[in-house]
């Protein structure tokens, strides 16, 4: 019978812990950018829902809603949508997320002022 106990030495374990730490340092920034893209996607999805809700509202009233309470669509609780300008000729809106500083926006119609801070093309959702 062998009486020696086999196992890992303290140095071997420390080397493994250091390697795992280095891999984590390399991988974490990649996950941060993925999270930011997901937040942006939430804002774009909510603005798409707003477009559909505004057009449905217009069909019934011949005017666009100025208040989100008048519109029925699913929104992400972390996304804040602000309708900046609404009239019978069109509307504009901006979306922000609680976790990032970026914003997205859209405007539809002639004579409508696009949300400030965004470079927009009519009827196209854009983010900065």
Protein backbone atom coordinates (compact mmCIF):
# COMPACT_ATOMS: atom_id res chain seq x y z
CA UNK A 1 0.00 0.00 0.00
CA UNK A 2 1.15 3.48 -0.77
CA UNK A 3 1.10 5.82 2.15
CA UNK A 4 1.57 9.11 0.19
CA UNK A 5 -1.44 11.36 -0.31
CA UNK A 6 -1.69 12.75 -3.81
CA UNK A 7 -3.17 16.14 -4.60
CA UNK A 8 -2.47 19.61 -5.90
CA UNK A 9 0.11 21.84 -4.32
CA UNK A 10 -0.67 25.36 -3.21
CA UNK A 11 1.37 26.81 -6.08
CA UNK A 12 -0.59 24.82 -8.67
CA UNK A 13 -3.89 26.02 -7.24
CA UNK A 14 -2.71 29.65 -7.20
CA UNK A 15 -1.64 29.42 -10.85
CA UNK A 16 -5.10 28.10 -11.81
CA UNK A 17 -6.81 30.92 -9.88
CA UNK A 18 -4.62 33.55 -11.61
CA UNK A 19 -5.39 32.10 -15.05
CA UNK A 20 -9.14 32.12 -14.34
CA UNK A 21 -8.86 35.73 -13.14
CA UNK A 22 -7.07 36.79 -16.32
CA UNK A 23 -9.72 35.12 -18.48
CA UNK A 24 -12.46 36.92 -16.51
CA UNK A 25 -10.71 40.29 -17.01
CA UNK A 26 -10.59 39.67 -20.76
CA UNK A 27 -14.22 38.48 -21.03
CA UNK A 28 -16.07 41.05 -18.87
CA UNK A 29 -15.82 44.02 -21.27
CA UNK A 30 -17.34 41.85 -24.00
CA UNK A 31 -20.38 41.17 -21.82
CA UNK A 32 -20.72 44.89 -21.02
CA UNK A 33 -21.10 45.81 -24.68
CA UNK A 34 -23.63 43.00 -25.17
CA UNK A 35 -25.67 44.40 -22.28
CA UNK A 36 -25.61 47.88 -23.82
CA UNK A 37 -26.81 46.47 -27.15
CA UNK A 38 -29.66 44.68 -25.37
CA UNK A 39 -30.77 47.91 -23.67
CA UNK A 40 -30.70 49.67 -27.01
CA UNK A 41 -32.79 46.90 -28.54
CA UNK A 42 -35.36 47.40 -25.76
CA UNK A 43 -35.64 51.09 -26.66
CA UNK A 44 -36.04 50.33 -30.38
CA UNK A 45 -38.68 47.68 -29.65
CA UNK A 46 -40.67 50.10 -27.50
CA UNK A 47 -40.49 52.78 -30.22
CA UNK A 48 -41.74 50.26 -32.79
CA UNK A 49 -44.66 49.51 -30.50
CA UNK A 50 -45.29 53.23 -30.20
CA UNK A 51 -45.39 53.59 -33.99
CA UNK A 52 -48.04 50.88 -34.24
CA UNK A 53 -50.06 52.35 -31.35
CA UNK A 54 -49.90 55.89 -32.78
CA UNK A 55 -51.12 54.72 -36.19
CA UNK A 56 -53.97 52.76 -34.59
CA UNK A 57 -54.90 55.83 -32.52
CA UNK A 58 -54.82 58.00 -35.65
CA UNK A 59 -57.21 55.65 -37.45
CA UNK A 60 -59.79 56.19 -34.73
CA UNK A 61 -59.34 59.90 -34.00
CA UNK A 62 -57.64 61.48 -37.06
CA UNK A 63 -55.05 62.87 -34.65
CA UNK A 64 -51.90 61.55 -32.98
CA UNK A 65 -51.75 61.03 -29.22
CA UNK A 66 -49.75 63.44 -27.08
CA UNK A 67 -49.98 61.27 -23.96
CA UNK A 68 -48.75 57.69 -23.63
CA UNK A 69 -51.74 56.91 -21.40
CA UNK A 70 -53.97 57.21 -24.47
CA UNK A 71 -52.04 54.47 -26.27
CA UNK A 72 -52.16 50.74 -25.63
CA UNK A 73 -48.90 48.90 -26.20
CA UNK A 74 -46.45 46.86 -24.15
CA UNK A 75 -43.53 48.84 -22.78
CA UNK A 76 -40.39 47.84 -20.96
CA UNK A 77 -40.47 49.33 -17.43
CA UNK A 78 -36.84 50.50 -17.76
CA UNK A 79 -37.51 52.47 -20.95
CA UNK A 80 -38.93 55.99 -20.75
CA UNK A 81 -40.71 57.26 -23.85
CA UNK A 82 -41.44 60.94 -24.31
CA UNK A 83 -43.73 62.19 -27.06
CA UNK A 84 -42.18 65.54 -28.01
CA UNK A 85 -44.48 66.80 -30.69
CA UNK A 86 -47.86 65.58 -31.94
CA UNK A 87 -50.39 67.08 -34.30
CA UNK A 88 -52.69 65.82 -37.05
CA UNK A 89 -49.75 66.07 -39.47
CA UNK A 90 -47.33 63.85 -37.48
CA UNK A 91 -45.46 63.22 -34.24
CA UNK A 92 -42.01 62.70 -32.73
CA UNK A 93 -40.80 60.73 -29.73
CA UNK A 94 -37.64 59.90 -27.82
CA UNK A 95 -36.77 56.82 -25.75
CA UNK A 96 -34.20 56.56 -22.96
CA UNK A 97 -33.16 53.60 -20.82
CA UNK A 98 -32.51 53.74 -17.09
CA UNK A 99 -29.19 51.86 -17.40
CA UNK A 100 -27.44 53.71 -20.26
CA UNK A 101 -27.06 57.30 -21.44
CA UNK A 102 -27.90 56.60 -25.09
CA UNK A 103 -31.24 57.63 -26.51
CA UNK A 104 -33.29 56.64 -29.53
CA UNK A 105 -35.90 58.60 -31.42
CA UNK A 106 -38.26 58.78 -34.34
CA UNK A 107 -40.39 61.36 -36.09
CA UNK A 108 -43.19 60.94 -38.58
CA UNK A 109 -44.87 63.59 -40.71
CA UNK A 110 -44.13 66.96 -42.21
CA UNK A 111 -43.49 70.03 -40.10
CA UNK A 112 -42.58 67.94 -37.06
CA UNK A 113 -39.50 68.78 -35.02
CA UNK A 114 -37.25 65.73 -34.47
CA UNK A 115 -36.15 65.03 -30.89
CA UNK A 116 -33.10 67.10 -29.90
CA UNK A 117 -29.70 65.44 -29.84
CA UNK A 118 -30.47 62.88 -32.55
CA UNK A 119 -29.81 62.85 -36.26
CA UNK A 120 -32.97 61.36 -37.71
CA UNK A 121 -34.49 60.45 -41.03
CA UNK A 122 -38.27 60.58 -41.16
CA UNK A 123 -39.94 57.29 -40.12
CA UNK A 124 -36.62 55.65 -39.20
CA UNK A 125 -35.73 54.82 -35.59
CA UNK A 126 -32.20 56.02 -34.85
CA UNK A 127 -30.03 55.85 -31.74
CA UNK A 128 -26.93 57.70 -30.66
